[in-house]
C-alpha atoms as a PDB file:
ATOM      1  CA  MET A   1     -11.606   9.374 -19.086  1.00  0.00           C
ATOM      2  CA  LYS A   2     -10.825   5.923 -20.397  1.00  0.00           C
ATOM      3  CA  GLN A   3      -8.863   5.770 -23.624  1.00  0.00           C
ATOM      4  CA  TYR A   4      -8.754   2.701 -25.833  1.00  0.00           C
ATOM      5  CA  GLN A   5      -6.838   1.737 -28.939  1.00  0.00           C
ATOM      6  CA  CYS A   6     -10.025   0.451 -30.568  1.00  0.00           C
ATOM      7  CA  GLN A   7     -13.556   1.787 -30.578  1.00  0.00           C
ATOM      8  CA  PRO A   8     -15.502   1.563 -27.309  1.00  0.00           C
ATOM      9  CA  ALA A   9     -17.949  -1.306 -27.204  1.00  0.00           C
ATOM     10  CA  HIS A  10     -21.061   0.137 -25.650  1.00  0.00           C
ATOM     11  CA  GLU A  11     -23.721  -2.117 -24.219  1.00  0.00           C
ATOM     12  CA  SER A  12     -25.816  -1.614 -27.353  1.00  0.00           C
ATOM     13  CA  VAL A  13     -23.226  -3.505 -29.371  1.00  0.00           C
ATOM     14  CA  SER A  14     -24.347  -7.116 -29.565  1.00  0.00           C
ATOM     15  CA  LEU A  15     -21.286  -8.705 -27.995  1.00  0.00           C
ATOM     16  CA  GLN A  16     -21.662 -11.932 -26.126  1.00  0.00           C
ATOM     17  CA  LEU A  17     -18.951 -12.166 -23.526  1.00  0.00           C
ATOM     18  CA  LYS A  18     -18.115 -15.698 -22.527  1.00  0.00           C
ATOM     19  CA  PRO A  19     -18.927 -16.587 -18.900  1.00  0.00           C
ATOM     20  CA  LYS A  20     -15.245 -17.440 -18.306  1.00  0.00           C
ATOM     21  CA  GLN A  21     -14.225 -13.946 -19.478  1.00  0.00           C
ATOM     22  CA  VAL A  22     -16.786 -12.292 -17.220  1.00  0.00           C
ATOM     23  CA  ARG A  23     -15.828 -14.383 -14.171  1.00  0.00           C
ATOM     24  CA  LEU A  24     -12.142 -13.551 -14.551  1.00  0.00           C
ATOM     25  CA  ALA A  25     -12.815  -9.840 -15.038  1.00  0.00           C
ATOM     26  CA  GLN A  26     -15.114  -9.848 -11.994  1.00  0.00           C
ATOM     27  CA  ARG A  27     -12.503 -11.591  -9.813  1.00  0.00           C
ATOM     28  CA  ILE A  28      -9.777  -9.188 -10.900  1.00  0.00           C
ATOM     29  CA  ASN A  29     -12.144  -6.247 -10.417  1.00  0.00           C
ATOM     30  CA  GLU A  30     -12.996  -7.295  -6.850  1.00  0.00           C
ATOM     31  CA  ASP A  31      -9.384  -8.022  -5.898  1.00  0.00           C
ATOM     32  CA  VAL A  32      -8.044  -4.732  -7.280  1.00  0.00           C
ATOM     33  CA  LYS A  33     -10.774  -2.735  -5.554  1.00  0.00           C
ATOM     34  CA  GLY A  34     -10.118  -4.589  -2.295  1.00  0.00           C
ATOM     35  CA  ILE A  35      -6.384  -3.903  -2.400  1.00  0.00           C
ATOM     36  CA  LEU A  36      -6.877  -0.218  -3.213  1.00  0.00           C
ATOM     37  CA  LYS A  37      -9.634   0.158  -0.594  1.00  0.00           C
ATOM     38  CA  HIS A  38      -7.218  -1.027   2.073  1.00  0.00           C
ATOM     39  CA  GLY A  39      -4.573   1.499   1.050  1.00  0.00           C
ATOM     40  CA  GLY A  40      -2.634  -0.719  -1.313  1.00  0.00           C
ATOM     41  CA  LYS A  41      -0.665   0.830  -4.140  1.00  0.00           C
ATOM     42  CA  GLU A  42      -0.021  -0.347  -7.675  1.00  0.00           C
ATOM     43  CA  VAL A  43       2.857  -2.570  -6.578  1.00  0.00           C
ATOM     44  CA  GLU A  44       0.534  -4.389  -4.165  1.00  0.00           C
ATOM     45  CA  VAL A  45      -1.964  -4.846  -6.989  1.00  0.00           C
ATOM     46  CA  LEU A  46       0.758  -6.379  -9.164  1.00  0.00           C
ATOM     47  CA  THR A  47       1.997  -8.743  -6.489  1.00  0.00           C
ATOM     48  CA  GLY A  48      -1.479  -9.526  -5.192  1.00  0.00           C
ATOM     49  CA  LEU A  49      -2.790 -10.496  -8.603  1.00  0.00           C
ATOM     50  CA  ASN A  50       0.296 -12.289  -9.864  1.00  0.00           C
ATOM     51  CA  SER A  51      -1.568 -15.593  -9.827  1.00  0.00           C
ATOM     52  CA  TYR A  52      -3.973 -14.261 -12.488  1.00  0.00           C
ATOM     53  CA  MET A  53      -1.303 -13.645 -15.119  1.00  0.00           C
ATOM     54  CA  ALA A  54      -1.680 -16.933 -17.020  1.00  0.00           C
ATOM     55  CA  LEU A  55      -5.473 -16.607 -17.061  1.00  0.00           C
ATOM     56  CA  LEU A  56      -5.277 -12.962 -18.095  1.00  0.00           C
ATOM     57  CA  LYS A  57      -2.909 -13.819 -20.937  1.00  0.00           C
ATOM     58  CA  GLU A  58      -5.377 -16.464 -22.115  1.00  0.00           C
ATOM     59  CA  LEU A  59      -8.181 -13.898 -21.953  1.00  0.00           C
ATOM     60  CA  MET A  60      -6.197 -11.284 -23.863  1.00  0.00           C
ATOM     61  CA  VAL A  61      -5.319 -13.779 -26.603  1.00  0.00           C
ATOM     62  CA  SER A  62      -8.865 -15.094 -26.979  1.00  0.00           C
ATOM     63  CA  ALA A  63     -10.845 -11.850 -26.595  1.00  0.00           C
ATOM     64  CA  SER A  64     -11.386  -9.346 -29.340  1.00  0.00           C
ATOM     65  CA  CYS A  65     -10.449  -5.727 -28.811  1.00  0.00           C
ATOM     66  CA  ALA A  66     -14.133  -4.851 -28.486  1.00  0.00           C
ATOM     67  CA  GLU A  67     -14.592  -7.531 -25.813  1.00  0.00           C
ATOM     68  CA  MET A  68     -11.627  -6.201 -23.831  1.00  0.00           C
ATOM     69  CA  VAL A  69     -13.040  -2.677 -24.074  1.00  0.00           C
ATOM     70  CA  LEU A  70     -16.414  -3.898 -22.870  1.00  0.00           C
ATOM     71  CA  LEU A  71     -14.822  -5.642 -19.885  1.00  0.00           C
ATOM     72  CA  CYS A  72     -12.884  -2.459 -19.066  1.00  0.00           C
ATOM     73  CA  GLU A  73     -16.065  -0.389 -19.301  1.00  0.00           C
ATOM     74  CA  ARG A  74     -17.970  -2.735 -17.000  1.00  0.00           C
ATOM     75  CA  TYR A  75     -15.248  -3.332 -14.394  1.00  0.00           C
ATOM     76  CA  ASP A  76     -13.199  -0.360 -13.189  1.00  0.00           C
ATOM     77  CA  GLY A  77     -10.854  -2.550 -11.139  1.00  0.00           C
ATOM     78  CA  PHE A  78     -10.167  -4.711 -14.179  1.00  0.00           C
ATOM     79  CA  TYR A  79      -9.444  -1.569 -16.193  1.00  0.00           C
ATOM     80  CA  LYS A  80      -7.082  -0.305 -13.472  1.00  0.00           C
ATOM     81  CA  TYR A  81      -5.191  -3.609 -13.546  1.00  0.00           C
ATOM     82  CA  ILE A  82      -4.830  -3.431 -17.334  1.00  0.00           C
ATOM     83  CA  GLN A  83      -3.543   0.162 -17.000  1.00  0.00           C
ATOM     84  CA  ILE A  84      -0.945  -0.928 -14.433  1.00  0.00           C
ATOM     85  CA  LEU A  85       0.224  -3.769 -16.671  1.00  0.00           C
ATOM     86  CA  GLU A  86       0.451  -1.414 -19.658  1.00  0.00           C
ATOM     87  CA  ALA A  87       2.538   1.045 -17.606  1.00  0.00           C
ATOM     88  CA  VAL A  88       4.905  -1.729 -16.519  1.00  0.00           C
ATOM     89  CA  ALA A  89       5.212  -2.991 -20.096  1.00  0.00           C
ATOM     90  CA  SER A  90       5.895   0.533 -21.334  1.00  0.00           C
ATOM     91  CA  CYS A  91       8.613   1.072 -18.738  1.00  0.00           C
ATOM     92  CA  SER A  92      10.122  -2.337 -19.422  1.00  0.00           C
ATOM     93  CA  SER A  93      10.333  -1.688 -23.145  1.00  0.00           C
ATOM     94  CA  SER A  94      12.162   1.591 -22.594  1.00  0.00           C
ATOM     95  CA  VAL A  95      14.838   0.076 -20.321  1.00  0.00           C
ATOM     96  CA  LYS A  96      18.080  -0.445 -22.192  1.00  0.00           C
ATOM     97  CA  ARG A  97      19.682  -2.807 -19.695  1.00  0.00           C
ATOM     98  CA  PRO A  98      18.494  -6.329 -18.852  1.00  0.00           C
ATOM     99  CA  ILE A  99      15.891  -6.524 -16.122  1.00  0.00           C
ATOM    100  CA  PRO A 100      16.850  -9.043 -13.422  1.00  0.00           C
ATOM    101  CA  THR A 101      14.564 -12.016 -12.991  1.00  0.00           C
ATOM    102  CA  LEU A 102      12.634 -11.955  -9.744  1.00  0.00           C
ATOM    103  CA  MET A 103      12.858 -15.087  -7.662  1.00  0.00           C
ATOM    104  CA  MET A 104       9.521 -16.081  -6.158  1.00  0.00           C
END
């Protein structure tokens, strides 16, 4: 069961998602599902979708909570990616020592 920090935005709510928001969520959704379908794990999802981080940050800043919930409800792969990022952020915030910077 999906859990959100704000109220779920069911289809009946008159939200108008922007085409750019929908396209990004769809791309992330497809990529996550593709990685998982081929046996990839969460780490492969993170590395495989690294190029989306700047766009996702822009989406998260510009979208309302209800819009993010609606995107998560529509796109399971998008929701999975958000869950992975939340888990990483949670782990990172609980680490008491500096995390080394990864060289790409």
